[in-house]
Amino acid sequence: MTELRLILGDQLNPHHSWFDTCSPNVIYVMLELRAETAYVLHHAQKIIAIFAAMRAFAAELKEKGHRVRYVRLSEGSNRGALEDNLNALIAHYHAVRVMWQEPDEWRLDAQLQAWAKTATIETTCVSSEHFFSSREQVSAFFASRKSWRMEYFYREMRRQHGVLLTPEGEPEGGKWNFDAENRKRWSGEPPAPDDSRICHDRSALWEEIQRCGVRTFGEPQANTFRWPVDRAEAKARLDAFISHVLPQFGNWQDAMHTEEPFLFHSLISFALNTKMLNPREVVAAAEQAWRSGDAPLPAVEGFIRQILGWREYVRGIYWSQMPGYRELNALEQHTPLPEWFWTGKTQMRCLAHAIGQSLTEAYAHHIQRLMIIGNFSLLGGLSPQAVHEWYLGVYIDAFEWVELPNTLGMSQFGDGGLLASKPYVSSASYIHKMSNYCQGCRYQHNQRTGEVACPFNALYWDFFLRNQARLGHNPRLGIVFKQLADMKDEERQAIAERAEYIRLNLNEL
């Protein structure tokens, strides 16, 4: 009476109830699938990390006495497609049942549900036992409200799970949100911590991936690979962040600097999104750091808000709006990505650094993603679908359920304001305030027009000129449109002409 249990590449949770007992009748199935490497063009480090983590997890299960059938990409028995592999394994083991955990991506969920309808044996889907909320909880919460806003949902999650609350049920510190205190520019002090992640040689795996013909981009860094690929390494990274980095996270979580790609960020997102870490333990560790006096409340609240609030919220947006969400394009923007998205070779120092770092590290923190790369993409009229596919491929922590709402919704305003109350755009003044990117740049951050004026400036004002009919009624943008109205006609015309020139010559910037 053999039962097959499928484990996907982002379901590497050793504490799932599946593994509480060992049974000789249960075989855990893990598949390296070519289709999963090719639905978008992925960063080399992302492919290496997922395969390395899957192999480490399979080895861990075997060590604990579980039966595991692991099919490598290079194996002759690999049928290629998920369905073909499952059918072959069912026949081989004479299985009577196949089980799987809820996939986080709509694509895989639909694929497995469709396959289950053709299966001749029992099939069952169970919870991944990972998230604070169910897929449907966010949409149910907002069913009776006029608008979707994360802050309301975040407060409800705090109350529901008793996080950072006084005994009376009020928010600690008297406020739900300390975001206004977390926006300092970093100028070298305090010094950023050293990267404590363990270094591994993954060159053999990288060579195997290349032999199988997998197309990638970005630097593999296979000989000095730093991303955690098992539970022990992920937990060590979390502990190091909580003990040594979290106290400074709040002040400088939005800061950017050319000499420090990571600053005070946790670097646990890949481990969290592949379920090597559980969000409950992450939130509990951060809260305990504050209660023990080891980290200030604004830092802890800001970090917890990303996990308990934003991460759960965007997942709810994703499942309530798919499959049509990825095709939304409220501002009707269609320009292809400039060539420098794939090389980092642009004269705009902020974009050269943020994109260059993304290509080198498979990582950029949330402000680099939102207010540098995403900001330019939105202002420049780039296709939100093209931007989405680039983000999904380039970042090691990018899985569609979390990446798509962040990119298409918050960053590119493709959903017209369902997720975000206004477009997240800025001129060069914000970039100059929060980074050292403008120092030594060819373009001048304080000029709107002219050959050496920073492209962000003309694009910023022209964005609102072009979208006044769509955005002019937004109360959060009143001051912007007031400033536009106060400009002389000649200035608005010069801005529009400069912005048009920039959009027509993106590859030359």
Protein backbone atom coordinates (compact mmCIF):
# COMPACT_ATOMS: atom_id res chain seq x y z
CA MET A 1 0.00 0.00 0.00
CA THR A 2 2.67 2.47 -1.07
CA GLU A 3 1.98 6.19 -0.75
CA LEU A 4 3.98 8.80 -2.66
CA ARG A 5 4.39 12.25 -1.12
CA LEU A 6 5.61 14.96 -3.47
CA ILE A 7 7.89 17.67 -2.07
CA LEU A 8 8.39 20.75 -4.22
CA GLY A 9 11.61 22.76 -4.31
CA ASP A 10 10.27 25.48 -2.01
CA GLN A 11 8.79 23.07 0.56
CA LEU A 12 11.92 22.18 2.50
CA ASN A 13 10.41 22.27 5.99
CA PRO A 14 11.87 19.49 8.17
CA HIS A 15 9.28 20.24 10.90
CA HIS A 16 6.25 19.45 8.74
CA SER A 17 3.99 16.91 10.43
CA TRP A 18 4.62 14.53 7.54
CA PHE A 19 8.01 13.77 9.03
CA ASP A 20 6.90 13.08 12.62
CA THR A 21 6.99 9.34 11.96
CA CYS A 22 8.75 7.06 9.51
CA SER A 23 6.78 4.53 7.50
CA PRO A 24 8.15 1.97 5.05
CA ASN A 25 5.01 2.48 2.98
CA VAL A 26 5.66 6.21 2.40
CA ILE A 27 8.09 7.37 -0.27
CA TYR A 28 8.96 11.05 -0.51
CA VAL A 29 9.38 12.17 -4.11
CA MET A 30 11.60 15.08 -5.09
CA LEU A 31 12.06 16.03 -8.74
CA GLU A 32 14.49 18.35 -10.47
CA LEU A 33 12.42 19.52 -13.42
CA ARG A 34 13.63 21.28 -16.52
CA ALA A 35 10.32 23.14 -16.75
CA GLU A 36 11.02 24.73 -13.36
CA THR A 37 14.28 26.14 -14.66
CA ALA A 38 12.75 27.56 -17.84
CA TYR A 39 9.37 29.25 -17.16
CA VAL A 40 11.45 32.45 -16.90
CA LEU A 41 15.18 32.99 -17.35
CA HIS A 42 16.64 32.49 -13.86
CA HIS A 43 19.77 33.77 -12.17
CA ALA A 44 22.44 31.07 -11.97
CA GLN A 45 22.62 31.34 -8.18
CA LYS A 46 18.88 30.73 -7.88
CA ILE A 47 19.09 27.43 -9.78
CA ILE A 48 22.16 26.36 -7.81
CA ALA A 49 20.59 27.26 -4.48
CA ILE A 50 17.29 25.48 -5.06
CA PHE A 51 18.89 22.29 -6.35
CA ALA A 52 21.52 22.28 -3.59
CA ALA A 53 18.84 22.84 -0.95
CA MET A 54 16.62 20.11 -2.40
CA ARG A 55 19.51 17.64 -2.38
CA ALA A 56 20.46 18.57 1.17
CA PHE A 57 16.87 18.12 2.31
CA ALA A 58 16.60 14.71 0.64
CA ALA A 59 19.80 13.61 2.36
CA GLU A 60 18.46 14.84 5.71
CA LEU A 61 15.24 12.87 5.29
CA LYS A 62 17.19 9.72 4.42
CA GLU A 63 19.39 10.16 7.49
CA LYS A 64 16.25 10.26 9.63
CA GLY A 65 15.04 6.96 8.17
CA HIS A 66 12.54 8.14 5.56
CA ARG A 67 12.32 6.60 2.10
CA VAL A 68 13.16 9.14 -0.59
CA ARG A 69 13.08 8.93 -4.38
CA TYR A 70 15.13 11.84 -5.66
CA VAL A 71 15.29 12.34 -9.44
CA ARG A 72 18.12 14.57 -10.62
CA LEU A 73 17.89 16.68 -13.72
CA SER A 74 20.72 14.68 -15.28
CA GLU A 75 19.25 11.22 -14.63
CA GLY A 76 18.15 9.16 -17.59
CA SER A 77 14.99 8.14 -15.71
CA ASN A 78 13.86 11.78 -15.47
CA ARG A 79 10.85 12.06 -17.79
CA GLY A 80 11.08 15.85 -17.85
CA ALA A 81 7.49 16.81 -17.11
CA LEU A 82 6.03 16.72 -13.60
CA GLU A 83 3.04 14.65 -14.68
CA ASP A 84 5.12 12.11 -16.61
CA ASN A 85 7.47 11.61 -13.66
CA LEU A 86 4.57 11.11 -11.26
CA ASN A 87 2.88 8.60 -13.57
CA ALA A 88 6.12 6.65 -14.00
CA LEU A 89 6.77 6.54 -10.25
CA ILE A 90 3.20 5.44 -9.52
CA ALA A 91 3.64 2.55 -11.91
CA HIS A 92 7.11 1.68 -10.62
CA TYR A 93 6.11 1.57 -6.94
CA HIS A 94 2.52 0.35 -7.50
CA ALA A 95 1.41 3.33 -5.46
CA VAL A 96 -2.18 3.62 -4.29
CA ARG A 97 -2.08 7.29 -3.24
CA VAL A 98 -0.22 10.51 -4.07
CA MET A 99 -0.14 13.43 -1.66
CA TRP A 100 1.35 16.90 -1.96
CA GLN A 101 1.50 20.07 0.06
CA GLU A 102 -0.31 23.19 -1.16
CA PRO A 103 1.91 24.82 -3.80
CA ASP A 104 2.53 28.50 -3.27
CA GLU A 105 2.43 29.31 -6.99
CA TRP A 106 -0.83 29.31 -8.92
CA ARG A 107 0.92 27.72 -11.90
CA LEU A 108 1.92 24.59 -9.99
CA ASP A 109 -1.32 24.42 -8.06
CA ALA A 110 -3.30 24.40 -11.30
CA GLN A 111 -0.92 21.87 -12.85
CA LEU A 112 -1.30 19.41 -9.98
CA GLN A 113 -5.06 19.86 -9.75
CA ALA A 114 -5.38 19.17 -13.48
CA TRP A 115 -3.18 16.09 -13.20
CA ALA A 116 -5.18 14.81 -10.22
CA LYS A 117 -8.34 14.77 -12.37
CA THR A 118 -6.63 12.30 -14.74
CA ALA A 119 -5.08 10.12 -12.03
CA THR A 120 -6.47 6.64 -11.50
CA ILE A 121 -5.45 6.52 -7.82
CA GLU A 122 -6.31 8.59 -4.75
CA THR A 123 -4.81 12.08 -4.60
CA THR A 124 -4.74 14.45 -1.64
CA CYS A 125 -3.47 17.99 -1.06
CA VAL A 126 -2.52 19.07 2.48
CA SER A 127 -1.37 22.30 4.09
CA SER A 128 2.28 23.30 3.90
CA GLU A 129 1.95 24.30 7.58
CA HIS A 130 4.05 27.39 6.95
CA PHE A 131 2.09 30.63 6.81
CA PHE A 132 0.29 32.52 9.57
CA SER A 133 -2.83 32.84 7.41
CA SER A 134 -4.68 30.74 4.86
CA ARG A 135 -4.77 31.60 1.18
CA GLU A 136 -8.29 32.98 1.55
CA GLN A 137 -7.93 34.88 4.83
CA VAL A 138 -6.80 38.20 3.35
CA SER A 139 -9.60 38.40 0.78
CA ALA A 140 -12.12 37.40 3.47
CA PHE A 141 -10.79 40.14 5.76
CA PHE A 142 -11.26 42.80 3.07
CA ALA A 143 -14.58 41.50 1.76
CA SER A 144 -16.57 44.11 3.69
CA ARG A 145 -14.08 46.97 3.24
CA LYS A 146 -13.88 49.51 0.44
CA SER A 147 -10.12 49.20 -0.10
CA TRP A 148 -7.28 46.77 0.45
CA ARG A 149 -4.59 48.24 2.72
CA MET A 150 -1.92 46.21 4.43
CA GLU A 151 -1.93 48.30 7.62
CA TYR A 152 -5.43 47.15 8.60
CA PHE A 153 -4.63 43.51 7.95
CA TYR A 154 -1.30 43.81 9.79
CA ARG A 155 -3.02 45.09 12.93
CA GLU A 156 -5.48 42.22 12.79
CA MET A 157 -2.62 39.73 12.49
CA ARG A 158 -0.86 41.31 15.47
CA ARG A 159 -4.03 40.93 17.52
CA GLN A 160 -4.79 37.42 16.29
CA HIS A 161 -1.31 36.10 17.07
CA GLY A 162 -0.55 38.23 20.12
CA VAL A 163 2.56 39.86 18.66
CA LEU A 164 4.07 43.01 20.24
CA LEU A 165 0.99 43.61 22.37
CA THR A 166 0.63 44.81 25.96
CA PRO A 167 -1.33 42.65 28.43
CA GLU A 168 -4.30 44.91 27.65
CA GLY A 169 -4.05 44.08 23.95
CA GLU A 170 -2.68 47.45 22.86
CA PRO A 171 0.39 47.86 20.62
CA GLU A 172 3.67 48.05 22.50
CA GLY A 173 5.10 51.55 22.47
CA GLY A 174 1.66 53.05 21.87
CA LYS A 175 1.87 52.79 18.06
CA TRP A 176 1.20 50.06 15.54
CA ASN A 177 3.79 51.30 13.09
CA PHE A 178 7.22 52.91 13.58
CA ASP A 179 8.03 53.27 9.90
CA ALA A 180 8.64 57.02 10.17
CA GLU A 181 11.59 56.31 12.49
CA ASN A 182 13.25 53.86 10.09
CA ARG A 183 14.48 56.14 7.29
CA LYS A 184 18.03 57.23 8.04
CA ARG A 185 20.82 57.67 5.52
CA TRP A 186 23.90 55.54 6.26
CA SER A 187 27.27 57.25 5.92
CA GLY A 188 29.60 54.60 7.32
CA GLU A 189 28.68 54.52 10.99
CA PRO A 190 27.98 52.22 12.65
CA PRO A 191 30.03 49.85 10.47
CA ALA A 192 28.07 47.28 8.54
CA PRO A 193 28.55 43.72 9.87
CA ASP A 194 30.69 41.17 8.11
CA ASP A 195 28.92 38.52 6.07
CA SER A 196 28.74 35.54 8.45
CA ARG A 197 27.27 33.07 5.97
CA ILE A 198 29.18 29.86 5.37
CA CYS A 199 31.05 29.61 2.07
CA HIS A 200 30.64 26.42 -0.02
CA ASP A 201 32.03 25.12 -3.29
CA ARG A 202 29.06 24.32 -5.55
CA SER A 203 31.09 24.10 -8.74
CA ALA A 204 30.27 20.42 -9.36
CA LEU A 205 26.55 21.14 -9.17
CA TRP A 206 26.96 24.17 -11.42
CA GLU A 207 28.80 22.07 -14.00
CA GLU A 208 25.99 19.50 -13.89
CA ILE A 209 23.39 22.22 -14.41
CA GLN A 210 25.32 23.55 -17.39
CA ARG A 211 25.72 20.06 -18.90
CA CYS A 212 21.94 19.70 -18.80
CA GLY A 213 21.61 22.81 -20.96
CA VAL A 214 19.88 25.04 -18.41
CA ARG A 215 19.97 28.69 -19.52
CA THR A 216 20.72 31.24 -16.81
CA PHE A 217 22.08 34.74 -16.37
CA GLY A 218 24.04 36.52 -13.66
CA GLU A 219 27.20 35.40 -11.89
CA PRO A 220 27.01 31.86 -10.43
CA GLN A 221 29.74 32.36 -7.80
CA ALA A 222 29.73 28.57 -7.60
CA ASN A 223 33.19 28.32 -6.00
CA THR A 224 32.28 30.70 -3.18
CA PHE A 225 28.57 30.10 -2.72
CA ARG A 226 27.15 31.83 0.37
CA TRP A 227 23.40 31.19 0.46
CA PRO A 228 22.14 28.78 3.17
CA VAL A 229 20.87 25.55 1.70
CA ASP A 230 19.81 23.60 4.80
CA ARG A 231 17.94 24.20 8.03
CA ALA A 232 21.07 24.40 10.19
CA GLU A 233 22.69 27.09 8.05
CA ALA A 234 19.42 29.03 7.79
CA LYS A 235 18.92 28.95 11.56
CA ALA A 236 22.51 30.08 12.12
CA ARG A 237 21.92 33.02 9.77
CA LEU A 238 18.72 33.97 11.60
CA ASP A 239 20.47 33.79 14.98
CA ALA A 240 23.34 35.95 13.74
CA PHE A 241 20.93 38.55 12.39
CA ILE A 242 18.87 38.73 15.58
CA SER A 243 21.94 38.96 17.82
CA HIS A 244 24.21 41.27 15.85
CA VAL A 245 22.32 43.03 13.05
CA LEU A 246 18.67 43.59 14.05
CA PRO A 247 19.50 46.39 16.54
CA GLN A 248 20.67 48.54 13.61
CA PHE A 249 18.15 47.30 11.04
CA GLY A 250 15.44 49.82 11.79
CA ASN A 251 17.44 53.01 11.38
CA TRP A 252 19.00 52.02 8.08
CA GLN A 253 16.59 49.55 6.48
CA ASP A 254 15.93 52.02 3.63
CA ALA A 255 19.55 53.16 3.19
CA MET A 256 21.69 52.34 0.15
CA HIS A 257 25.45 52.53 -0.33
CA THR A 258 27.83 51.55 -3.12
CA GLU A 259 30.30 49.87 -0.74
CA GLU A 260 27.80 47.76 1.21
CA PRO A 261 25.37 45.55 -0.72
CA PHE A 262 23.71 44.09 2.41
CA LEU A 263 24.08 46.71 5.18
CA PHE A 264 21.81 45.62 8.06
CA HIS A 265 19.46 43.29 6.22
CA SER A 266 18.77 39.74 7.35
CA LEU A 267 19.56 37.71 4.18
CA ILE A 268 17.06 35.06 5.34
CA SER A 269 14.46 35.57 2.60
CA PHE A 270 15.59 32.61 0.49
CA ALA A 271 15.58 30.31 3.51
CA LEU A 272 12.19 31.64 4.58
CA ASN A 273 10.59 31.31 1.14
CA THR A 274 11.85 27.74 0.74
CA LYS A 275 10.49 27.00 4.25
CA MET A 276 13.81 26.08 5.85
CA LEU A 277 12.75 28.74 8.35
CA ASN A 278 9.24 29.21 9.71
CA PRO A 279 7.82 32.75 9.92
CA ARG A 280 6.60 32.09 13.46
CA GLU A 281 10.09 31.42 14.75
CA VAL A 282 11.42 34.47 12.91
CA VAL A 283 8.78 36.77 14.43
CA ALA A 284 9.17 35.21 17.87
CA ALA A 285 12.96 35.64 17.80
CA ALA A 286 12.66 39.30 16.84
CA GLU A 287 10.05 40.02 19.51
CA GLN A 288 12.13 38.27 22.16
CA ALA A 289 15.12 40.44 21.23
CA TRP A 290 13.07 43.52 22.09
CA ARG A 291 11.61 42.07 25.29
CA SER A 292 15.15 41.13 26.40
CA GLY A 293 16.38 44.65 25.73
CA ASP A 294 18.67 43.57 22.90
CA ALA A 295 17.00 45.50 20.06
CA PRO A 296 14.94 48.71 19.93
CA LEU A 297 11.21 48.56 19.30
CA PRO A 298 11.23 50.51 15.97
CA ALA A 299 13.71 48.02 14.49
CA VAL A 300 11.82 45.00 15.75
CA GLU A 301 8.40 46.31 14.73
CA GLY A 302 9.66 47.24 11.27
CA PHE A 303 11.16 43.79 10.76
CA ILE A 304 8.09 41.95 12.08
CA ARG A 305 5.84 44.09 9.85
CA GLN A 306 7.67 42.71 6.80
CA ILE A 307 7.04 39.10 7.90
CA LEU A 308 3.69 39.10 9.71
CA GLY A 309 2.17 41.96 7.74
CA TRP A 310 3.50 42.45 4.25
CA ARG A 311 4.50 38.85 3.43
CA GLU A 312 1.10 37.46 4.43
CA TYR A 313 -0.74 40.35 2.79
CA VAL A 314 0.85 39.99 -0.66
CA ARG A 315 0.21 36.25 -0.57
CA GLY A 316 -3.47 36.98 0.02
CA ILE A 317 -3.50 39.47 -2.85
CA TYR A 318 -1.89 36.86 -5.09
CA TRP A 319 -4.36 34.06 -4.39
CA SER A 320 -7.40 36.31 -4.52
CA GLN A 321 -6.47 37.85 -7.89
CA MET A 322 -4.85 35.03 -9.87
CA PRO A 323 -4.64 33.99 -12.64
CA GLY A 324 -5.47 37.30 -14.29
CA TYR A 325 -3.33 39.43 -11.99
CA ARG A 326 -0.09 38.96 -13.90
CA GLU A 327 -1.61 40.45 -17.06
CA LEU A 328 -2.79 43.72 -15.47
CA ASN A 329 -1.36 46.91 -16.94
CA ALA A 330 -3.45 49.79 -15.60
CA LEU A 331 -1.13 52.49 -16.95
CA GLU A 332 -0.78 50.81 -20.36
CA GLN A 333 3.02 50.71 -20.39
CA HIS A 334 4.69 48.46 -22.97
CA THR A 335 8.33 49.50 -23.47
CA PRO A 336 10.80 46.55 -23.43
CA LEU A 337 13.57 46.43 -20.85
CA PRO A 338 16.75 48.31 -21.80
CA GLU A 339 19.76 46.13 -22.58
CA TRP A 340 21.52 47.21 -19.38
CA PHE A 341 19.04 45.24 -17.27
CA TRP A 342 21.12 42.23 -18.36
CA THR A 343 24.55 43.84 -18.02
CA GLY A 344 24.33 46.66 -15.48
CA LYS A 345 26.22 48.87 -17.93
CA THR A 346 24.53 52.26 -17.66
CA GLN A 347 25.90 55.69 -16.82
CA MET A 348 23.24 56.13 -14.16
CA ARG A 349 25.25 55.24 -11.07
CA CYS A 350 22.26 54.21 -8.94
CA LEU A 351 20.96 51.78 -11.55
CA ALA A 352 24.43 50.52 -12.45
CA HIS A 353 24.96 49.63 -8.80
CA ALA A 354 21.52 48.21 -7.99
CA ILE A 355 21.30 46.15 -11.18
CA GLY A 356 24.98 45.21 -11.08
CA GLN A 357 24.56 43.98 -7.51
CA SER A 358 21.46 42.02 -8.53
CA LEU A 359 23.40 40.31 -11.31
CA THR A 360 26.36 39.58 -9.04
CA GLU A 361 24.59 38.60 -5.81
CA ALA A 362 21.10 37.53 -6.99
CA TYR A 363 19.97 39.95 -4.31
CA ALA A 364 19.05 43.57 -3.70
CA HIS A 365 17.16 44.86 -0.70
CA HIS A 366 13.61 46.19 -0.86
CA ILE A 367 14.45 49.86 -1.44
CA GLN A 368 16.87 49.05 -4.25
CA ARG A 369 14.15 46.93 -5.84
CA LEU A 370 11.35 49.46 -5.26
CA MET A 371 12.89 52.93 -5.40
CA ILE A 372 15.80 52.43 -7.81
CA ILE A 373 15.03 49.69 -10.34
CA GLY A 374 11.26 49.64 -9.95
CA ASN A 375 11.02 53.43 -9.74
CA PHE A 376 12.88 53.87 -13.02
CA SER A 377 10.87 51.10 -14.68
CA LEU A 378 7.58 52.75 -13.82
CA LEU A 379 8.70 56.26 -14.73
CA GLY A 380 10.29 55.04 -17.95
CA GLY A 381 7.13 53.31 -19.16
CA LEU A 382 8.53 49.76 -19.10
CA SER A 383 6.18 46.82 -19.51
CA PRO A 384 5.13 45.59 -16.04
CA GLN A 385 5.07 42.03 -17.38
CA ALA A 386 8.68 42.34 -18.59
CA VAL A 387 9.71 43.85 -15.26
CA HIS A 388 7.90 41.05 -13.41
CA GLU A 389 9.70 38.33 -15.36
CA TRP A 390 13.07 39.99 -14.73
CA TYR A 391 12.44 40.28 -10.98
CA LEU A 392 11.14 36.71 -10.81
CA GLY A 393 14.28 35.45 -12.51
CA VAL A 394 17.01 37.61 -11.02
CA TYR A 395 16.33 37.38 -7.28
CA ILE A 396 17.16 34.28 -5.31
CA ASP A 397 14.17 34.76 -3.01
CA ALA A 398 11.67 35.45 -5.83
CA PHE A 399 8.78 33.02 -6.03
CA GLU A 400 5.75 34.24 -7.91
CA TRP A 401 3.32 34.39 -4.96
CA VAL A 402 5.47 36.99 -3.22
CA GLU A 403 7.27 38.59 -6.17
CA LEU A 404 4.34 39.26 -8.51
CA PRO A 405 2.24 41.44 -6.16
CA ASN A 406 5.37 43.28 -5.03
CA THR A 407 6.49 43.96 -8.60
CA LEU A 408 3.34 44.38 -10.66
CA GLY A 409 1.25 45.81 -7.82
CA MET A 410 3.38 47.90 -5.51
CA SER A 411 6.34 48.70 -7.75
CA GLN A 412 4.69 49.10 -11.17
CA PHE A 413 1.14 50.09 -10.14
CA GLY A 414 -0.10 47.63 -12.76
CA ASP A 415 -3.17 46.77 -10.69
CA GLY A 416 -4.25 50.41 -10.61
CA GLY A 417 -4.05 50.74 -6.84
CA LEU A 418 -5.45 47.52 -5.38
CA LEU A 419 -2.28 46.82 -3.43
CA ALA A 420 -0.74 50.30 -3.05
CA SER A 421 -2.58 53.57 -2.44
CA LYS A 422 -0.36 55.49 -4.88
CA PRO A 423 2.50 54.87 -7.32
CA TYR A 424 5.83 54.51 -5.49
CA VAL A 425 7.89 56.91 -7.57
CA SER A 426 10.36 59.66 -6.77
CA SER A 427 12.70 62.10 -8.41
CA ALA A 428 16.46 62.02 -7.82
CA SER A 429 16.05 63.91 -4.54
CA TYR A 430 14.98 60.75 -2.69
CA ILE A 431 17.88 58.74 -4.12
CA HIS A 432 20.32 61.49 -3.15
CA LYS A 433 18.84 61.60 0.37
CA MET A 434 18.99 57.84 1.02
CA SER A 435 22.27 56.86 -0.68
CA ASN A 436 25.67 57.90 -1.97
CA TYR A 437 24.69 56.88 -5.51
CA CYS A 438 24.61 60.44 -6.84
CA GLN A 439 28.25 61.10 -5.88
CA GLY A 440 30.41 60.87 -8.98
CA CYS A 441 27.48 60.17 -11.29
CA ARG A 442 27.54 61.61 -14.80
CA TYR A 443 24.05 63.00 -14.22
CA GLN A 444 23.21 65.86 -11.84
CA HIS A 445 20.57 65.05 -9.26
CA ASN A 446 19.47 68.70 -8.86
CA GLN A 447 18.71 69.40 -12.54
CA ARG A 448 15.40 68.63 -14.27
CA THR A 449 16.29 69.22 -17.89
CA GLY A 450 19.40 69.35 -19.99
CA GLU A 451 21.88 66.74 -21.18
CA VAL A 452 23.39 66.07 -17.74
CA ALA A 453 20.15 66.33 -15.73
CA CYS A 454 19.32 63.12 -13.86
CA PRO A 455 16.79 61.19 -15.98
CA PHE A 456 14.72 60.47 -12.86
CA ASN A 457 13.73 64.14 -12.61
CA ALA A 458 12.18 64.74 -16.03
CA LEU A 459 10.66 61.26 -16.02
CA TYR A 460 9.13 61.86 -12.59
CA TRP A 461 7.29 65.05 -13.49
CA ASP A 462 6.37 63.79 -16.94
CA PHE A 463 4.90 60.63 -15.40
CA PHE A 464 2.31 62.72 -13.60
CA LEU A 465 1.75 64.94 -16.62
CA ARG A 466 1.00 61.87 -18.73
CA ASN A 467 -1.18 60.22 -16.08
CA GLN A 468 -3.06 63.20 -14.71
CA ALA A 469 -6.41 61.85 -15.90
CA ARG A 470 -5.78 58.56 -14.09
CA LEU A 471 -4.11 59.87 -10.93
CA GLY A 472 -5.19 63.48 -10.53
CA HIS A 473 -8.03 62.58 -8.15
CA ASN A 474 -5.76 60.65 -5.75
CA PRO A 475 -5.67 62.62 -2.45
CA ARG A 476 -2.16 61.35 -1.68
CA LEU A 477 -0.86 63.04 -4.83
CA GLY A 478 -2.48 66.44 -4.38
CA ILE A 479 0.76 68.25 -3.63
CA VAL A 480 2.41 66.80 -6.75
CA PHE A 481 -0.32 68.04 -9.06
CA LYS A 482 -0.35 71.39 -7.26
CA GLN A 483 3.37 71.76 -8.02
CA LEU A 484 2.76 70.85 -11.66
CA ALA A 485 -0.01 73.41 -11.91
CA ASP A 486 2.31 76.08 -10.52
CA MET A 487 4.96 75.43 -13.19
CA LYS A 488 5.17 77.66 -16.21
CA ASP A 489 4.03 76.20 -19.52
CA GLU A 490 7.56 76.41 -20.91
CA GLU A 491 8.92 74.35 -18.00
CA ARG A 492 6.30 71.64 -18.41
CA GLN A 493 7.03 71.54 -22.13
CA ALA A 494 10.78 71.24 -21.53
CA ILE A 495 10.17 68.40 -19.04
CA ALA A 496 7.93 66.55 -21.49
CA GLU A 497 10.47 66.88 -24.31
CA ARG A 498 13.37 65.73 -22.13
CA ALA A 499 11.36 62.76 -20.83
CA GLU A 500 10.36 61.75 -24.34
CA TYR A 501 14.00 61.87 -25.45
CA ILE A 502 15.00 59.68 -22.48
CA ARG A 503 12.32 57.08 -23.20
CA LEU A 504 13.37 56.89 -26.84
CA ASN A 505 17.03 56.43 -25.92
CA LEU A 506 16.94 54.16 -22.86
CA ASN A 507 19.82 51.99 -24.07
CA GLU A 508 22.08 55.05 -24.28
CA LEU A 509 21.65 56.23 -20.67
